[in-house]
Amino acid sequence: MKGRYVRLTEPLVRDGGRLRPATWDEALDRAAQGFRAAIDRHGPTSFGLFSCSKATNEVNYLAQKFARTVIGSNNLDSCNRT
């Protein structure tokens, strides 16, 4: 499919090196487990978040609030400053 893009219509998770369809609950649980494992192993400063100026102020606010409050990291950047 060179030159064509296929839109994902469902979340995918990796099992044994292969991607397979999953429920949203399973995919979000996996993502949360991955964040938690990285934080437990390397500390919250191992997490960084990049936000976009094309997002609304509310979305950017929630992104920084998530990084600071949930993760415990101040490693935030945005294309707003460029």
N, C-alpha and C. Protein backbone atom coordinates (compact mmCIF):
# COMPACT_ATOMS: atom_id res chain seq x y z
N MET A 1 0.82 -1.18 0.00
CA MET A 1 0.00 0.00 0.00
C MET A 1 0.87 1.25 0.00
N LYS A 2 1.82 1.26 -0.83
CA LYS A 2 2.74 2.38 -0.90
C LYS A 2 1.98 3.65 -1.28
N GLY A 3 2.22 4.70 -0.48
CA GLY A 3 1.59 5.97 -0.77
C GLY A 3 0.16 6.11 -0.28
N ARG A 4 -0.42 5.07 0.32
CA ARG A 4 -1.78 5.14 0.84
C ARG A 4 -1.75 5.03 2.35
N TYR A 5 -2.65 5.73 2.96
CA TYR A 5 -2.77 5.68 4.41
C TYR A 5 -4.07 5.01 4.78
N VAL A 6 -4.03 4.19 5.80
CA VAL A 6 -5.22 3.51 6.27
C VAL A 6 -5.56 4.07 7.64
N ARG A 7 -6.77 4.52 7.79
CA ARG A 7 -7.20 5.08 9.06
C ARG A 7 -7.54 3.95 10.03
N LEU A 8 -7.03 4.07 11.26
CA LEU A 8 -7.35 3.10 12.29
C LEU A 8 -8.79 3.31 12.75
N THR A 9 -9.52 2.24 12.90
CA THR A 9 -10.91 2.34 13.33
C THR A 9 -11.14 1.74 14.71
N GLU A 10 -10.10 1.15 15.27
CA GLU A 10 -10.19 0.55 16.60
C GLU A 10 -8.79 0.55 17.21
N PRO A 11 -8.71 0.50 18.54
CA PRO A 11 -7.38 0.46 19.15
C PRO A 11 -6.70 -0.88 18.89
N LEU A 12 -5.38 -0.83 18.83
CA LEU A 12 -4.56 -2.03 18.66
C LEU A 12 -3.60 -2.15 19.82
N VAL A 13 -3.35 -3.37 20.27
CA VAL A 13 -2.35 -3.65 21.30
C VAL A 13 -1.39 -4.70 20.76
N ARG A 14 -0.19 -4.68 21.31
CA ARG A 14 0.83 -5.61 20.84
C ARG A 14 0.89 -6.81 21.79
N ASP A 15 0.76 -7.99 21.24
CA ASP A 15 0.90 -9.25 21.97
C ASP A 15 1.88 -10.12 21.22
N GLY A 16 2.98 -10.48 21.86
CA GLY A 16 3.97 -11.35 21.23
C GLY A 16 4.54 -10.75 19.96
N GLY A 17 4.68 -9.43 19.92
CA GLY A 17 5.25 -8.79 18.74
C GLY A 17 4.27 -8.51 17.62
N ARG A 18 3.01 -8.89 17.80
CA ARG A 18 2.00 -8.67 16.76
C ARG A 18 0.90 -7.76 17.29
N LEU A 19 0.40 -6.91 16.42
CA LEU A 19 -0.72 -6.05 16.80
C LEU A 19 -2.03 -6.80 16.62
N ARG A 20 -2.93 -6.57 17.58
CA ARG A 20 -4.26 -7.17 17.47
C ARG A 20 -5.29 -6.16 17.95
N PRO A 21 -6.51 -6.26 17.45
CA PRO A 21 -7.57 -5.35 17.90
C PRO A 21 -7.86 -5.55 19.39
N ALA A 22 -8.23 -4.46 20.06
CA ALA A 22 -8.53 -4.52 21.49
C ALA A 22 -9.69 -3.57 21.78
N THR A 23 -10.25 -3.70 22.97
CA THR A 23 -11.27 -2.75 23.40
C THR A 23 -10.57 -1.47 23.85
N TRP A 24 -11.34 -0.39 23.94
CA TRP A 24 -10.76 0.86 24.42
C TRP A 24 -10.29 0.72 25.86
N ASP A 25 -11.05 -0.01 26.67
CA ASP A 25 -10.65 -0.20 28.07
C ASP A 25 -9.30 -0.90 28.16
N GLU A 26 -9.12 -1.95 27.37
CA GLU A 26 -7.84 -2.67 27.40
C GLU A 26 -6.70 -1.79 26.91
N ALA A 27 -6.92 -1.05 25.83
CA ALA A 27 -5.87 -0.20 25.27
C ALA A 27 -5.48 0.90 26.25
N LEU A 28 -6.47 1.52 26.89
CA LEU A 28 -6.17 2.58 27.86
C LEU A 28 -5.49 2.01 29.10
N ASP A 29 -5.91 0.82 29.53
CA ASP A 29 -5.23 0.17 30.67
C ASP A 29 -3.77 -0.12 30.34
N ARG A 30 -3.51 -0.58 29.13
CA ARG A 30 -2.13 -0.84 28.72
C ARG A 30 -1.30 0.42 28.71
N ALA A 31 -1.88 1.50 28.19
CA ALA A 31 -1.16 2.78 28.16
C ALA A 31 -0.85 3.25 29.58
N ALA A 32 -1.83 3.15 30.47
CA ALA A 32 -1.62 3.56 31.87
C ALA A 32 -0.55 2.69 32.53
N GLN A 33 -0.56 1.39 32.26
CA GLN A 33 0.46 0.50 32.81
C GLN A 33 1.85 0.87 32.30
N GLY A 34 1.94 1.25 31.03
CA GLY A 34 3.21 1.66 30.46
C GLY A 34 3.74 2.92 31.11
N PHE A 35 2.86 3.92 31.31
CA PHE A 35 3.26 5.14 32.01
C PHE A 35 3.74 4.81 33.42
N ARG A 36 2.97 4.00 34.13
CA ARG A 36 3.31 3.66 35.51
C ARG A 36 4.63 2.92 35.58
N ALA A 37 4.86 1.97 34.68
CA ALA A 37 6.12 1.21 34.68
C ALA A 37 7.31 2.13 34.43
N ALA A 38 7.19 3.07 33.50
CA ALA A 38 8.29 4.01 33.22
C ALA A 38 8.56 4.91 34.41
N ILE A 39 7.49 5.39 35.05
CA ILE A 39 7.65 6.26 36.22
C ILE A 39 8.27 5.48 37.38
N ASP A 40 7.81 4.26 37.61
CA ASP A 40 8.37 3.44 38.69
C ASP A 40 9.83 3.12 38.45
N ARG A 41 10.20 2.89 37.22
CA ARG A 41 11.57 2.49 36.87
C ARG A 41 12.52 3.69 36.82
N HIS A 42 12.05 4.82 36.26
CA HIS A 42 12.96 5.93 35.99
C HIS A 42 12.57 7.25 36.64
N GLY A 43 11.46 7.28 37.35
CA GLY A 43 11.00 8.51 37.98
C GLY A 43 10.12 9.34 37.06
N PRO A 44 9.36 10.28 37.64
CA PRO A 44 8.41 11.06 36.85
C PRO A 44 9.07 11.99 35.83
N THR A 45 10.31 12.35 36.07
CA THR A 45 10.96 13.25 35.10
C THR A 45 11.34 12.53 33.81
N SER A 46 11.16 11.23 33.76
CA SER A 46 11.39 10.49 32.51
C SER A 46 10.25 10.71 31.53
N PHE A 47 9.17 11.32 32.00
CA PHE A 47 7.99 11.57 31.18
C PHE A 47 8.05 13.00 30.65
N GLY A 48 7.74 13.18 29.37
CA GLY A 48 7.63 14.51 28.79
C GLY A 48 6.39 14.58 27.93
N LEU A 49 5.86 15.78 27.80
CA LEU A 49 4.64 15.96 27.04
C LEU A 49 4.82 17.14 26.10
N PHE A 50 4.41 16.96 24.86
CA PHE A 50 4.46 18.03 23.87
C PHE A 50 3.04 18.34 23.44
N SER A 51 2.68 19.60 23.47
CA SER A 51 1.34 20.01 23.11
C SER A 51 1.39 20.89 21.87
N CYS A 52 0.25 21.20 21.32
CA CYS A 52 0.19 21.90 20.04
C CYS A 52 -0.61 23.19 20.14
N SER A 53 -0.16 24.21 19.44
CA SER A 53 -0.86 25.49 19.45
C SER A 53 -2.19 25.42 18.72
N LYS A 54 -2.40 24.42 17.91
CA LYS A 54 -3.67 24.30 17.20
C LYS A 54 -4.76 23.69 18.09
N ALA A 55 -4.37 23.16 19.23
CA ALA A 55 -5.35 22.66 20.19
C ALA A 55 -5.96 23.86 20.92
N THR A 56 -7.10 23.63 21.52
CA THR A 56 -7.74 24.71 22.28
C THR A 56 -6.96 24.98 23.57
N ASN A 57 -7.19 26.13 24.16
CA ASN A 57 -6.57 26.45 25.45
C ASN A 57 -6.96 25.41 26.49
N GLU A 58 -8.20 24.94 26.42
CA GLU A 58 -8.68 23.96 27.39
C GLU A 58 -7.93 22.64 27.26
N VAL A 59 -7.70 22.20 26.03
CA VAL A 59 -6.95 20.94 25.81
C VAL A 59 -5.52 21.10 26.29
N ASN A 60 -4.88 22.23 25.98
CA ASN A 60 -3.52 22.46 26.44
C ASN A 60 -3.45 22.53 27.96
N TYR A 61 -4.46 23.14 28.58
CA TYR A 61 -4.52 23.20 30.04
C TYR A 61 -4.62 21.79 30.63
N LEU A 62 -5.51 20.98 30.07
CA LEU A 62 -5.66 19.60 30.57
C LEU A 62 -4.39 18.79 30.37
N ALA A 63 -3.69 19.00 29.26
CA ALA A 63 -2.45 18.27 29.01
C ALA A 63 -1.40 18.60 30.07
N GLN A 64 -1.22 19.89 30.37
CA GLN A 64 -0.23 20.26 31.38
C GLN A 64 -0.67 19.83 32.76
N LYS A 65 -1.96 19.87 33.04
CA LYS A 65 -2.48 19.43 34.34
C LYS A 65 -2.24 17.93 34.52
N PHE A 66 -2.46 17.15 33.46
CA PHE A 66 -2.20 15.71 33.50
C PHE A 66 -0.72 15.45 33.80
N ALA A 67 0.16 16.10 33.05
CA ALA A 67 1.60 15.87 33.24
C ALA A 67 2.03 16.25 34.65
N ARG A 68 1.57 17.37 35.14
CA ARG A 68 2.02 17.85 36.46
C ARG A 68 1.37 17.12 37.62
N THR A 69 0.05 16.92 37.53
CA THR A 69 -0.70 16.36 38.66
C THR A 69 -0.67 14.83 38.69
N VAL A 70 -0.94 14.21 37.56
CA VAL A 70 -1.03 12.75 37.51
C VAL A 70 0.36 12.12 37.45
N ILE A 71 1.20 12.63 36.54
CA ILE A 71 2.52 12.03 36.33
C ILE A 71 3.53 12.58 37.32
N GLY A 72 3.46 13.88 37.62
CA GLY A 72 4.43 14.50 38.51
C GLY A 72 5.63 15.07 37.78
N SER A 73 5.44 15.43 36.52
CA SER A 73 6.53 15.94 35.69
C SER A 73 6.23 17.36 35.23
N ASN A 74 7.25 18.20 35.22
CA ASN A 74 7.13 19.53 34.65
C ASN A 74 7.74 19.59 33.25
N ASN A 75 8.05 18.44 32.67
CA ASN A 75 8.65 18.38 31.33
C ASN A 75 7.56 18.57 30.27
N LEU A 76 7.25 19.83 30.01
CA LEU A 76 6.21 20.19 29.06
C LEU A 76 6.80 21.12 28.02
N ASP A 77 6.36 20.96 26.80
CA ASP A 77 6.77 21.87 25.74
C ASP A 77 5.62 22.02 24.77
N SER A 78 5.70 23.06 23.97
CA SER A 78 4.63 23.33 23.03
C SER A 78 5.19 24.07 21.83
N CYS A 79 4.56 23.89 20.71
CA CYS A 79 4.96 24.65 19.52
C CYS A 79 4.50 26.10 19.62
N ASN A 80 3.80 26.46 20.69
CA ASN A 80 3.37 27.86 20.90
C ASN A 80 4.56 28.79 21.01
N ARG A 81 5.66 28.31 21.52
CA ARG A 81 6.81 29.17 21.80
C ARG A 81 7.70 29.38 20.58
N THR A 82 7.42 28.71 19.47
CA THR A 82 8.28 28.86 18.29
C THR A 82 7.82 29.96 17.39
